[in-house]
C-alpha atoms as a PDB file:
ATOM      1  CA  MET A   1       2.027 -14.321 -32.388  1.00  0.00           C
ATOM      2  CA  PHE A   2       0.343 -11.637 -30.052  1.00  0.00           C
ATOM      3  CA  ASP A   3      -2.943 -11.841 -28.590  1.00  0.00           C
ATOM      4  CA  GLY A   4      -2.954  -7.827 -28.323  1.00  0.00           C
ATOM      5  CA  ALA A   5      -3.674  -8.195 -24.651  1.00  0.00           C
ATOM      6  CA  VAL A   6      -0.772  -6.058 -23.147  1.00  0.00           C
ATOM      7  CA  THR A   7      -0.996  -5.607 -19.863  1.00  0.00           C
ATOM      8  CA  ARG A   8       0.253  -2.916 -17.290  1.00  0.00           C
ATOM      9  CA  ALA A   9       1.761  -2.713 -13.809  1.00  0.00           C
ATOM     10  CA  LEU A  10      -0.284  -3.002 -10.744  1.00  0.00           C
ATOM     11  CA  ALA A  11       0.400  -1.328  -7.399  1.00  0.00           C
ATOM     12  CA  ILE A  12       2.103  -4.208  -6.008  1.00  0.00           C
ATOM     13  CA  GLY A  13       3.962  -6.822  -7.914  1.00  0.00           C
ATOM     14  CA  CYS A  14       3.461  -6.954 -11.558  1.00  0.00           C
ATOM     15  CA  ALA A  15       0.391  -7.969 -13.636  1.00  0.00           C
ATOM     16  CA  LEU A  16       1.033 -10.397 -16.662  1.00  0.00           C
ATOM     17  CA  PRO A  17      -1.304 -11.687 -19.090  1.00  0.00           C
ATOM     18  CA  LEU A  18      -3.736 -14.088 -17.376  1.00  0.00           C
ATOM     19  CA  VAL A  19      -1.471 -14.879 -14.389  1.00  0.00           C
ATOM     20  CA  ALA A  20       0.636 -12.950 -11.501  1.00  0.00           C
ATOM     21  CA  CYS A  21       4.290 -12.473 -11.892  1.00  0.00           C
ATOM     22  CA  GLY A  22       6.680 -13.186  -8.762  1.00  0.00           C
ATOM     23  CA  SER A  23       9.227 -10.699  -7.455  1.00  0.00           C
ATOM     24  CA  ASP A  24      12.670 -11.360  -6.561  1.00  0.00           C
ATOM     25  CA  PRO A  25      13.776 -12.774  -3.584  1.00  0.00           C
ATOM     26  CA  ALA A  26      14.132 -10.003  -1.109  1.00  0.00           C
ATOM     27  CA  SER A  27      16.349 -12.127   1.074  1.00  0.00           C
ATOM     28  CA  GLU A  28      19.106 -14.571   0.531  1.00  0.00           C
ATOM     29  CA  ASN A  29      17.090 -17.201   1.491  1.00  0.00           C
ATOM     30  CA  PRO A  30      15.859 -18.982  -1.679  1.00  0.00           C
ATOM     31  CA  ALA A  31      13.048 -20.477   0.567  1.00  0.00           C
ATOM     32  CA  ASP A  32      11.560 -17.162   1.297  1.00  0.00           C
ATOM     33  CA  THR A  33      10.254 -16.774  -2.419  1.00  0.00           C
ATOM     34  CA  GLU A  34       6.524 -17.564  -2.411  1.00  0.00           C
ATOM     35  CA  ALA A  35       5.327 -19.552  -5.768  1.00  0.00           C
ATOM     36  CA  GLY A  36       2.464 -18.463  -7.694  1.00  0.00           C
ATOM     37  CA  THR A  37      -0.241 -20.820  -8.405  1.00  0.00           C
ATOM     38  CA  GLY A  38      -0.258 -20.962 -11.933  1.00  0.00           C
ATOM     39  CA  THR A  39      -3.987 -21.925 -12.046  1.00  0.00           C
ATOM     40  CA  THR A  40      -6.066 -18.802 -12.140  1.00  0.00           C
ATOM     41  CA  SER A  41      -7.502 -16.913 -15.252  1.00  0.00           C
ATOM     42  CA  ALA A  42      -6.975 -13.492 -13.601  1.00  0.00           C
ATOM     43  CA  ALA A  43      -4.314 -10.924 -12.877  1.00  0.00           C
ATOM     44  CA  GLY A  44      -3.128 -11.462  -9.212  1.00  0.00           C
ATOM     45  CA  SER A  45      -0.362  -9.851  -7.417  1.00  0.00           C
ATOM     46  CA  GLU A  46       2.423 -10.590  -4.803  1.00  0.00           C
ATOM     47  CA  ASP A  47       4.280  -8.460  -2.644  1.00  0.00           C
ATOM     48  CA  SER A  48       7.174  -6.847  -4.509  1.00  0.00           C
ATOM     49  CA  THR A  49      10.095  -6.785  -2.039  1.00  0.00           C
ATOM     50  CA  SER A  50      12.922  -7.124  -4.290  1.00  0.00           C
ATOM     51  CA  SER A  51      16.171  -5.183  -4.198  1.00  0.00           C
ATOM     52  CA  THR A  52      17.827  -2.913  -6.929  1.00  0.00           C
ATOM     53  CA  PRO A  53      20.259  -4.702  -8.858  1.00  0.00           C
ATOM     54  CA  ASP A  54      23.361  -3.064  -7.623  1.00  0.00           C
ATOM     55  CA  PRO A  55      26.359  -3.492  -9.811  1.00  0.00           C
ATOM     56  CA  SER A  56      28.792  -4.320  -6.719  1.00  0.00           C
ATOM     57  CA  THR A  57      26.846  -6.868  -5.959  1.00  0.00           C
ATOM     58  CA  THR A  58      25.400  -8.377  -9.494  1.00  0.00           C
ATOM     59  CA  ALA A  59      28.872  -8.223 -11.162  1.00  0.00           C
ATOM     60  CA  GLY A  60      30.604 -10.133  -7.834  1.00  0.00           C
ATOM     61  CA  PRO A  61      32.253 -13.356  -8.741  1.00  0.00           C
ATOM     62  CA  SER A  62      29.272 -15.573  -7.121  1.00  0.00           C
ATOM     63  CA  ASP A  63      25.881 -15.163  -5.819  1.00  0.00           C
ATOM     64  CA  THR A  64      25.169 -16.236  -1.970  1.00  0.00           C
ATOM     65  CA  THR A  65      21.571 -17.360  -2.620  1.00  0.00           C
ATOM     66  CA  ARG A  66      22.524 -20.887  -4.641  1.00  0.00           C
ATOM     67  CA  GLY A  67      21.651 -24.482  -3.862  1.00  0.00           C
ATOM     68  CA  GLY A  68      20.514 -27.253  -5.773  1.00  0.00           C
ATOM     69  CA  ASP A  69      22.756 -30.055  -6.988  1.00  0.00           C
ATOM     70  CA  ASP A  70      24.752 -30.862 -10.071  1.00  0.00           C
ATOM     71  CA  ALA A  71      22.492 -31.544 -12.965  1.00  0.00           C
ATOM     72  CA  SER A  72      22.471 -34.440 -15.818  1.00  0.00           C
ATOM     73  CA  THR A  73      24.322 -33.433 -19.425  1.00  0.00           C
ATOM     74  CA  GLY A  74      21.103 -33.370 -21.110  1.00  0.00           C
ATOM     75  CA  GLY A  75      20.245 -36.951 -21.974  1.00  0.00           C
ATOM     76  CA  ASP A  76      20.949 -37.978 -25.632  1.00  0.00           C
ATOM     77  CA  THR A  77      18.822 -36.309 -27.747  1.00  0.00           C
ATOM     78  CA  MET A  78      20.814 -34.527 -29.679  1.00  0.00           C
ATOM     79  CA  PRO A  79      24.698 -34.821 -30.103  1.00  0.00           C
ATOM     80  CA  PRO A  80      27.036 -31.843 -29.858  1.00  0.00           C
ATOM     81  CA  GLY A  81      26.692 -29.348 -32.634  1.00  0.00           C
ATOM     82  CA  ASP A  82      23.836 -30.720 -34.002  1.00  0.00           C
ATOM     83  CA  SER A  83      21.618 -28.007 -34.839  1.00  0.00           C
ATOM     84  CA  SER A  84      17.815 -27.818 -35.339  1.00  0.00           C
ATOM     85  CA  SER A  85      18.345 -23.803 -36.697  1.00  0.00           C
ATOM     86  CA  ASP A  86      19.406 -22.844 -40.301  1.00  0.00           C
ATOM     87  CA  SER A  87      22.298 -21.096 -39.291  1.00  0.00           C
ATOM     88  CA  SER A  88      24.995 -21.200 -41.957  1.00  0.00           C
ATOM     89  CA  GLY A  89      28.196 -19.167 -42.962  1.00  0.00           C
ATOM     90  CA  GLY A  90      32.032 -18.931 -42.605  1.00  0.00           C
ATOM     91  CA  ASP A  91      33.782 -21.562 -40.083  1.00  0.00           C
ATOM     92  CA  PRO A  92      30.327 -23.839 -38.974  1.00  0.00           C
ATOM     93  CA  ALA A  93      31.920 -23.939 -35.390  1.00  0.00           C
ATOM     94  CA  ARG A  94      32.449 -19.989 -35.048  1.00  0.00           C
ATOM     95  CA  THR A  95      29.971 -17.145 -35.134  1.00  0.00           C
ATOM     96  CA  CYS A  96      32.338 -14.329 -33.578  1.00  0.00           C
ATOM     97  CA  ASP A  97      34.879 -14.495 -36.155  1.00  0.00           C
ATOM     98  CA  ASN A  98      35.039 -12.087 -38.623  1.00  0.00           C
ATOM     99  CA  THR A  99      32.259 -10.009 -37.219  1.00  0.00           C
ATOM    100  CA  ASP A 100      32.375  -6.476 -35.554  1.00  0.00           C
ATOM    101  CA  TYR A 101      29.291  -7.006 -33.150  1.00  0.00           C
ATOM    102  CA  LEU A 102      29.135  -4.951 -30.323  1.00  0.00           C
ATOM    103  CA  LEU A 103      29.716  -8.203 -27.937  1.00  0.00           C
ATOM    104  CA  CYS A 104      29.593 -11.588 -29.351  1.00  0.00           C
ATOM    105  CA  LEU A 105      29.776 -15.356 -27.373  1.00  0.00           C
ATOM    106  CA  ASP A 106      30.372 -18.694 -29.359  1.00  0.00           C
ATOM    107  CA  PHE A 107      32.148 -20.050 -26.371  1.00  0.00           C
ATOM    108  CA  GLU A 108      34.446 -21.917 -28.707  1.00  0.00           C
ATOM    109  CA  ASP A 109      37.641 -20.657 -27.138  1.00  0.00           C
ATOM    110  CA  THR A 110      36.739 -21.169 -23.448  1.00  0.00           C
ATOM    111  CA  PRO A 111      37.460 -24.436 -21.792  1.00  0.00           C
ATOM    112  CA  VAL A 112      34.913 -26.834 -20.045  1.00  0.00           C
ATOM    113  CA  GLY A 113      34.018 -26.176 -16.987  1.00  0.00           C
ATOM    114  CA  GLU A 114      35.143 -22.479 -17.000  1.00  0.00           C
ATOM    115  CA  ILE A 115      33.360 -19.153 -17.972  1.00  0.00           C
ATOM    116  CA  PRO A 116      34.451 -16.660 -21.008  1.00  0.00           C
ATOM    117  CA  GLU A 117      37.119 -14.487 -20.376  1.00  0.00           C
ATOM    118  CA  GLY A 118      35.881 -10.958 -19.030  1.00  0.00           C
ATOM    119  CA  TRP A 119      32.744 -12.259 -17.745  1.00  0.00           C
ATOM    120  CA  VAL A 120      31.947 -13.071 -14.254  1.00  0.00           C
ATOM    121  CA  ARG A 121      29.432 -15.188 -12.524  1.00  0.00           C
ATOM    122  CA  ASN A 122      26.649 -14.783 -10.474  1.00  0.00           C
ATOM    123  CA  GLY A 123      25.492 -18.380  -8.938  1.00  0.00           C
ATOM    124  CA  ASP A 124      27.625 -20.940  -8.959  1.00  0.00           C
ATOM    125  CA  LEU A 125      26.229 -23.720 -11.379  1.00  0.00           C
ATOM    126  CA  VAL A 126      27.045 -22.007 -14.794  1.00  0.00           C
ATOM    127  CA  SER A 127      29.809 -22.891 -17.027  1.00  0.00           C
ATOM    128  CA  VAL A 128      30.734 -23.751 -20.538  1.00  0.00           C
ATOM    129  CA  GLN A 129      30.261 -27.232 -21.556  1.00  0.00           C
ATOM    130  CA  ASP A 130      30.469 -29.647 -24.340  1.00  0.00           C
ATOM    131  CA  ASP A 131      27.509 -32.035 -23.927  1.00  0.00           C
ATOM    132  CA  PHE A 132      25.450 -29.635 -26.296  1.00  0.00           C
ATOM    133  CA  ALA A 133      26.380 -26.739 -28.841  1.00  0.00           C
ATOM    134  CA  HIS A 134      24.285 -24.959 -31.436  1.00  0.00           C
ATOM    135  CA  LEU A 135      27.548 -24.357 -33.671  1.00  0.00           C
ATOM    136  CA  GLY A 136      30.726 -26.298 -32.478  1.00  0.00           C
ATOM    137  CA  THR A 137      31.471 -28.277 -29.950  1.00  0.00           C
ATOM    138  CA  HIS A 138      30.587 -25.559 -26.967  1.00  0.00           C
ATOM    139  CA  ALA A 139      27.823 -23.649 -24.961  1.00  0.00           C
ATOM    140  CA  LEU A 140      26.976 -22.223 -21.905  1.00  0.00           C
ATOM    141  CA  ARG A 141      25.436 -24.552 -19.598  1.00  0.00           C
ATOM    142  CA  THR A 142      23.073 -23.348 -16.611  1.00  0.00           C
ATOM    143  CA  ASP A 143      22.669 -26.456 -13.843  1.00  0.00           C
ATOM    144  CA  ALA A 144      19.397 -27.035 -11.983  1.00  0.00           C
ATOM    145  CA  GLN A 145      18.990 -25.302  -8.677  1.00  0.00           C
ATOM    146  CA  PRO A 146      15.327 -24.466  -7.502  1.00  0.00           C
ATOM    147  CA  ASN A 147      15.422 -20.792  -7.906  1.00  0.00           C
ATOM    148  CA  TRP A 148      17.583 -17.625  -8.152  1.00  0.00           C
ATOM    149  CA  ARG A 149      20.590 -17.187 -10.504  1.00  0.00           C
ATOM    150  CA  ARG A 150      23.083 -19.151 -12.547  1.00  0.00           C
ATOM    151  CA  ARG A 151      24.409 -16.349 -15.138  1.00  0.00           C
ATOM    152  CA  ILE A 152      27.148 -14.649 -16.211  1.00  0.00           C
ATOM    153  CA  GLU A 153      27.766 -11.103 -16.512  1.00  0.00           C
ATOM    154  CA  HIS A 154      29.568  -8.399 -18.364  1.00  0.00           C
ATOM    155  CA  ASP A 155      30.288  -4.765 -18.671  1.00  0.00           C
ATOM    156  CA  ALA A 156      27.880  -3.078 -20.834  1.00  0.00           C
ATOM    157  CA  SER A 157      29.125   0.130 -21.568  1.00  0.00           C
ATOM    158  CA  MET A 158      29.350  -0.336 -25.185  1.00  0.00           C
ATOM    159  CA  ILE A 159      25.767  -0.464 -25.526  1.00  0.00           C
ATOM    160  CA  GLY A 160      23.994   2.859 -26.283  1.00  0.00           C
ATOM    161  CA  SER A 161      20.344   3.761 -26.225  1.00  0.00           C
ATOM    162  CA  ALA A 162      19.281   1.422 -28.965  1.00  0.00           C
ATOM    163  CA  HIS A 163      20.848  -2.223 -30.068  1.00  0.00           C
ATOM    164  CA  TRP A 164      19.770  -5.633 -31.210  1.00  0.00           C
ATOM    165  CA  GLY A 165      20.004  -8.836 -29.538  1.00  0.00           C
ATOM    166  CA  ARG A 166      20.129 -12.598 -30.452  1.00  0.00           C
ATOM    167  CA  VAL A 167      21.093 -16.254 -28.389  1.00  0.00           C
ATOM    168  CA  PHE A 168      20.220 -19.515 -29.172  1.00  0.00           C
ATOM    169  CA  TYR A 169      18.791 -21.525 -25.876  1.00  0.00           C
ATOM    170  CA  ARG A 170      17.578 -25.043 -25.135  1.00  0.00           C
ATOM    171  CA  VAL A 171      15.629 -26.350 -22.184  1.00  0.00           C
ATOM    172  CA  GLN A 172      16.215 -29.718 -21.054  1.00  0.00           C
ATOM    173  CA  LEU A 173      13.363 -32.002 -20.801  1.00  0.00           C
ATOM    174  CA  PRO A 174      11.452 -33.140 -18.507  1.00  0.00           C
ATOM    175  CA  ILE A 175      10.940 -29.898 -16.936  1.00  0.00           C
ATOM    176  CA  PRO A 176      10.389 -29.784 -13.294  1.00  0.00           C
ATOM    177  CA  VAL A 177       6.685 -30.284 -12.458  1.00  0.00           C
ATOM    178  CA  ALA A 178       6.093 -26.569 -10.967  1.00  0.00           C
ATOM    179  CA  ASP A 179       3.573 -23.956 -10.681  1.00  0.00           C
ATOM    180  CA  LEU A 180       3.784 -20.615 -12.346  1.00  0.00           C
ATOM    181  CA  VAL A 181       7.649 -19.536 -12.871  1.00  0.00           C
ATOM    182  CA  HIS A 182       8.953 -16.384 -14.098  1.00  0.00           C
ATOM    183  CA  SER A 183      12.357 -16.531 -15.418  1.00  0.00           C
ATOM    184  CA  THR A 184      15.113 -14.231 -16.798  1.00  0.00           C
ATOM    185  CA  HIS A 185      17.480 -15.252 -19.381  1.00  0.00           C
ATOM    186  CA  VAL A 186      19.010 -11.941 -20.647  1.00  0.00           C
ATOM    187  CA  SER A 187      19.390  -8.747 -18.743  1.00  0.00           C
ATOM    188  CA  PHE A 188      20.829  -5.332 -18.462  1.00  0.00           C
ATOM    189  CA  VAL A 189      21.463  -2.688 -15.691  1.00  0.00           C
ATOM    190  CA  GLY A 190      20.559   0.544 -16.496  1.00  0.00           C
ATOM    191  CA  VAL A 191      19.361   3.646 -15.408  1.00  0.00           C
ATOM    192  CA  GLY A 192      15.882   4.665 -16.145  1.00  0.00           C
ATOM    193  CA  PRO A 193      14.731   7.791 -17.013  1.00  0.00           C
ATOM    194  CA  THR A 194      12.313   8.243 -14.186  1.00  0.00           C
ATOM    195  CA  VAL A 195      12.587   5.200 -12.031  1.00  0.00           C
ATOM    196  CA  GLY A 196      16.586   5.177 -11.212  1.00  0.00           C
ATOM    197  CA  GLU A 197      18.655   1.994 -11.725  1.00  0.00           C
ATOM    198  CA  ALA A 198      16.734  -1.030 -12.680  1.00  0.00           C
ATOM    199  CA  GLU A 199      17.227  -4.550 -14.237  1.00  0.00           C
ATOM    200  CA  TYR A 200      16.055  -4.232 -17.753  1.00  0.00           C
ATOM    201  CA  ARG A 201      14.735  -8.116 -18.712  1.00  0.00           C
ATOM    202  CA  TYR A 202      14.414  -8.789 -22.429  1.00  0.00           C
ATOM    203  CA  PHE A 203      14.517 -12.131 -22.824  1.00  0.00           C
ATOM    204  CA  ASP A 204      12.289 -13.004 -20.108  1.00  0.00           C
ATOM    205  CA  THR A 205       9.701 -15.698 -19.994  1.00  0.00           C
ATOM    206  CA  VAL A 206       6.758 -16.891 -17.616  1.00  0.00           C
ATOM    207  CA  LYS A 207       5.623 -20.918 -17.577  1.00  0.00           C
ATOM    208  CA  ALA A 208       2.304 -21.733 -16.598  1.00  0.00           C
ATOM    209  CA  GLY A 209       1.797 -23.988 -13.907  1.00  0.00           C
ATOM    210  CA  ALA A 210       1.987 -27.753 -14.696  1.00  0.00           C
ATOM    211  CA  ASP A 211      -1.607 -28.061 -13.479  1.00  0.00           C
ATOM    212  CA  ALA A 212      -3.161 -24.881 -15.062  1.00  0.00           C
ATOM    213  CA  GLN A 213      -5.868 -26.287 -16.771  1.00  0.00           C
ATOM    214  CA  GLY A 214      -5.716 -25.829 -20.771  1.00  0.00           C
ATOM    215  CA  ILE A 215      -2.531 -23.754 -20.392  1.00  0.00           C
ATOM    216  CA  GLU A 216      -0.095 -26.598 -18.927  1.00  0.00           C
ATOM    217  CA  ASP A 217       3.583 -25.714 -18.846  1.00  0.00           C
ATOM    218  CA  ARG A 218       3.013 -23.204 -21.821  1.00  0.00           C
ATOM    219  CA  ILE A 219       4.863 -20.231 -21.669  1.00  0.00           C
ATOM    220  CA  GLN A 220       4.633 -16.208 -22.639  1.00  0.00           C
ATOM    221  CA  TYR A 221       7.398 -14.012 -23.583  1.00  0.00           C
ATOM    222  CA  ILE A 222       7.569 -10.342 -21.567  1.00  0.00           C
ATOM    223  CA  PHE A 223       9.334  -7.231 -21.132  1.00  0.00           C
ATOM    224  CA  ASN A 224      10.163  -7.029 -17.930  1.00  0.00           C
ATOM    225  CA  VAL A 225      11.537  -4.029 -15.564  1.00  0.00           C
ATOM    226  CA  GLN A 226      12.848  -4.540 -11.814  1.00  0.00           C
ATOM    227  CA  PRO A 227      13.440  -1.285 -10.272  1.00  0.00           C
ATOM    228  CA  ASP A 228      13.792  -0.150  -6.522  1.00  0.00           C
ATOM    229  CA  GLY A 229      10.193  -0.423  -6.245  1.00  0.00           C
ATOM    230  CA  PRO A 230       7.276  -2.236  -7.911  1.00  0.00           C
ATOM    231  CA  GLU A 231       8.219  -4.413 -11.173  1.00  0.00           C
ATOM    232  CA  PHE A 232       6.062  -3.905 -14.627  1.00  0.00           C
ATOM    233  CA  ALA A 233       5.889  -5.942 -17.417  1.00  0.00           C
ATOM    234  CA  GLN A 234       4.394  -5.712 -21.055  1.00  0.00           C
ATOM    235  CA  GLY A 235       4.302  -9.100 -23.458  1.00  0.00           C
ATOM    236  CA  THR A 236       2.189 -12.044 -25.185  1.00  0.00           C
ATOM    237  CA  GLY A 237      -0.735 -13.867 -23.496  1.00  0.00           C
ATOM    238  CA  TRP A 238      -0.093 -17.652 -23.047  1.00  0.00           C
ATOM    239  CA  LEU A 239       1.149 -19.294 -26.275  1.00  0.00           C
ATOM    240  CA  GLU A 240       1.121 -22.452 -28.096  1.00  0.00           C
ATOM    241  CA  ARG A 241       4.708 -22.649 -27.308  1.00  0.00           C
ATOM    242  CA  TYR A 242       6.949 -24.601 -24.921  1.00  0.00           C
ATOM    243  CA  TYR A 243      10.298 -25.019 -23.375  1.00  0.00           C
ATOM    244  CA  GLU A 244      12.111 -27.725 -25.874  1.00  0.00           C
ATOM    245  CA  ASP A 245      15.169 -29.696 -25.822  1.00  0.00           C
ATOM    246  CA  THR A 246      15.834 -28.334 -29.180  1.00  0.00           C
ATOM    247  CA  TRP A 247      17.427 -25.135 -30.526  1.00  0.00           C
ATOM    248  CA  HIS A 248      15.587 -21.973 -30.590  1.00  0.00           C
ATOM    249  CA  CYS A 249      16.637 -18.306 -31.401  1.00  0.00           C
ATOM    250  CA  ALA A 250      15.714 -15.516 -29.221  1.00  0.00           C
ATOM    251  CA  GLU A 251      15.891 -11.629 -30.738  1.00  0.00           C
ATOM    252  CA  TRP A 252      15.038  -8.508 -29.322  1.00  0.00           C
ATOM    253  CA  HIS A 253      15.280  -4.702 -30.564  1.00  0.00           C
ATOM    254  CA  VAL A 254      15.589  -1.960 -28.502  1.00  0.00           C
ATOM    255  CA  ASP A 255      15.553   1.765 -28.789  1.00  0.00           C
ATOM    256  CA  ALA A 256      15.091   4.576 -25.968  1.00  0.00           C
ATOM    257  CA  ALA A 257      14.501   7.095 -28.360  1.00  0.00           C
ATOM    258  CA  ASP A 258      10.756   6.472 -28.934  1.00  0.00           C
ATOM    259  CA  GLN A 259      10.695   4.064 -26.336  1.00  0.00           C
ATOM    260  CA  SER A 260      10.186   0.869 -28.274  1.00  0.00           C
ATOM    261  CA  PHE A 261      10.720  -2.956 -27.713  1.00  0.00           C
ATOM    262  CA  THR A 262      10.184  -5.846 -30.259  1.00  0.00           C
ATOM    263  CA  PHE A 263      11.226  -9.325 -29.444  1.00  0.00           C
ATOM    264  CA  TRP A 264      11.169 -12.580 -31.774  1.00  0.00           C
ATOM    265  CA  ASP A 265      11.039 -16.423 -31.334  1.00  0.00           C
ATOM    266  CA  ASP A 266      12.852 -18.444 -34.205  1.00  0.00           C
ATOM    267  CA  GLY A 267      12.224 -15.533 -36.402  1.00  0.00           C
ATOM    268  CA  GLU A 268       8.467 -14.785 -35.653  1.00  0.00           C
ATOM    269  CA  GLU A 269       7.739 -11.651 -33.904  1.00  0.00           C
ATOM    270  CA  MET A 270       6.039 -12.266 -30.717  1.00  0.00           C
ATOM    271  CA  PHE A 271       4.880  -8.898 -29.580  1.00  0.00           C
ATOM    272  CA  THR A 272       6.248  -5.013 -29.685  1.00  0.00           C
ATOM    273  CA  PHE A 273       5.281  -1.817 -28.307  1.00  0.00           C
ATOM    274  CA  THR A 274       6.154   2.117 -29.083  1.00  0.00           C
ATOM    275  CA  ASN A 275       5.478   4.520 -26.004  1.00  0.00           C
ATOM    276  CA  GLY A 276       7.067   7.468 -28.409  1.00  0.00           C
ATOM    277  CA  PRO A 277       9.560  10.054 -27.093  1.00  0.00           C
ATOM    278  CA  GLY A 278       9.635  11.011 -23.395  1.00  0.00           C
ATOM    279  CA  ASN A 279       6.612   8.839 -22.611  1.00  0.00           C
ATOM    280  CA  TYR A 280       8.324   6.339 -20.336  1.00  0.00           C
ATOM    281  CA  GLN A 281       4.971   4.359 -18.551  1.00  0.00           C
ATOM    282  CA  ASP A 282       5.755   0.797 -18.473  1.00  0.00           C
ATOM    283  CA  SER A 283       8.957   1.017 -20.393  1.00  0.00           C
ATOM    284  CA  GLU A 284      11.314   2.865 -18.852  1.00  0.00           C
ATOM    285  CA  ILE A 285      14.179   2.128 -21.263  1.00  0.00           C
ATOM    286  CA  PRO A 286      17.688   3.898 -20.373  1.00  0.00           C
ATOM    287  CA  ASP A 287      20.165   5.632 -22.873  1.00  0.00           C
ATOM    288  CA  SER A 288      22.886   3.322 -21.701  1.00  0.00           C
ATOM    289  CA  TYR A 289      24.069   0.355 -19.864  1.00  0.00           C
ATOM    290  CA  SER A 290      26.705  -1.134 -16.956  1.00  0.00           C
ATOM    291  CA  ILE A 291      25.863  -4.560 -16.834  1.00  0.00           C
ATOM    292  CA  VAL A 292      24.615  -7.434 -19.195  1.00  0.00           C
ATOM    293  CA  THR A 293      24.118 -11.116 -18.044  1.00  0.00           C
ATOM    294  CA  LEU A 294      23.180 -14.006 -19.834  1.00  0.00           C
ATOM    295  CA  GLY A 295      21.733 -17.039 -17.931  1.00  0.00           C
ATOM    296  CA  TRP A 296      18.598 -18.674 -15.776  1.00  0.00           C
ATOM    297  CA  THR A 297      17.401 -16.688 -12.958  1.00  0.00           C
ATOM    298  CA  ASN A 298      13.865 -17.716 -11.701  1.00  0.00           C
ATOM    299  CA  TYR A 299      11.922 -16.151  -9.180  1.00  0.00           C
ATOM    300  CA  GLN A 300       9.600 -19.047  -7.953  1.00  0.00           C
ATOM    301  CA  ASP A 301      10.886 -22.470  -6.645  1.00  0.00           C
ATOM    302  CA  ALA A 302      10.991 -24.963  -9.333  1.00  0.00           C
ATOM    303  CA  ALA A 303      12.906 -27.813  -7.411  1.00  0.00           C
ATOM    304  CA  PRO A 304      15.119 -29.525  -9.032  1.00  0.00           C
ATOM    305  CA  GLY A 305      15.421 -26.750 -11.316  1.00  0.00           C
ATOM    306  CA  PHE A 306      15.996 -26.074 -14.548  1.00  0.00           C
ATOM    307  CA  VAL A 307      18.598 -26.939 -17.193  1.00  0.00           C
ATOM    308  CA  ALA A 308      19.460 -25.208 -20.292  1.00  0.00           C
ATOM    309  CA  TRP A 309      22.041 -24.243 -22.677  1.00  0.00           C
ATOM    310  CA  TYR A 310      23.015 -20.783 -24.184  1.00  0.00           C
ATOM    311  CA  ASP A 311      25.172 -20.387 -27.467  1.00  0.00           C
ATOM    312  CA  ASP A 312      25.921 -17.810 -30.040  1.00  0.00           C
ATOM    313  CA  PHE A 313      24.900 -14.661 -28.088  1.00  0.00           C
ATOM    314  CA  ALA A 314      25.431 -11.073 -29.826  1.00  0.00           C
ATOM    315  CA  LEU A 315      24.678  -8.020 -29.194  1.00  0.00           C
ATOM    316  CA  ASP A 316      24.820  -5.029 -32.395  1.00  0.00           C
ATOM    317  CA  ASP A 317      23.611  -2.078 -34.034  1.00  0.00           C
ATOM    318  CA  GLU A 318      22.146  -3.833 -36.661  1.00  0.00           C
ATOM    319  CA  ARG A 319      20.037  -6.939 -36.851  1.00  0.00           C
ATOM    320  CA  ILE A 320      22.075  -9.900 -36.462  1.00  0.00           C
ATOM    321  CA  GLY A 321      19.346 -12.514 -37.411  1.00  0.00           C
ATOM    322  CA  CYS A 322      19.252 -16.410 -36.720  1.00  0.00           C
ATOM    323  CA  GLU A 323      20.668 -17.606 -39.949  1.00  0.00           C
END
């Protein structure tokens, strides 16, 4: 469901439907990040002083801006392997067997407490666990810290100018009592046609403030780009959707040839745009990528932090689907 309100970037910060979008921390101190209010119905702005995503640092073994305590295991809302989706076919514990996806993770071969082979951590509080899984018994869990990165990263040179992506996700309840929070779940690093190297956030959410009258804790989905300068975004307005302690399926399709992007949640199209060949305004979709990331990064404080799980992640040149 898309309300038709596609927003454009401001000169400072990034404008999102109804609210202001916070920028990445400019220093190694997470406390330096200013939280949004989440209580205004007009777009605002914040100083966009974040640094350029640098492959030499984003792909490092750990991030220096981490904190928080170990999270709980997500309670007893669903047992490992239980699924609220319609996934089916093949070995019920495996997504990646007998497929030729460009990149695929089902986490079943990764020992608890570790990360998949060929990936690196960016932030300590991310590892494979066996407390919840979409299929099988293992999933990637990101544990609680007030803000910044808990993610894993991989070379993305196999991804060309167009691809489809799919990942299942769930978020532990209750979520932190927090104002507006912008979070990234899947992103890529690439070189935009005119902006240089940037982080392309293709599965990105913004949560309304806990006290935002009429839209408390609702989320919106956005396409968000962070170059070495002001970030920009397009996306939905506030939806009748929330972070939930059950599995959901996020999908996206991106194509540099016509500068187009579409995002689905549980098979329902959330928003789409096509700028057309050579029109890079508010898209800047690159022809190739150097890094892909999976995990939780939030840019405003949300103490003690979000706990989330990701499973059955895949990228391909054809639609993967949620079945």
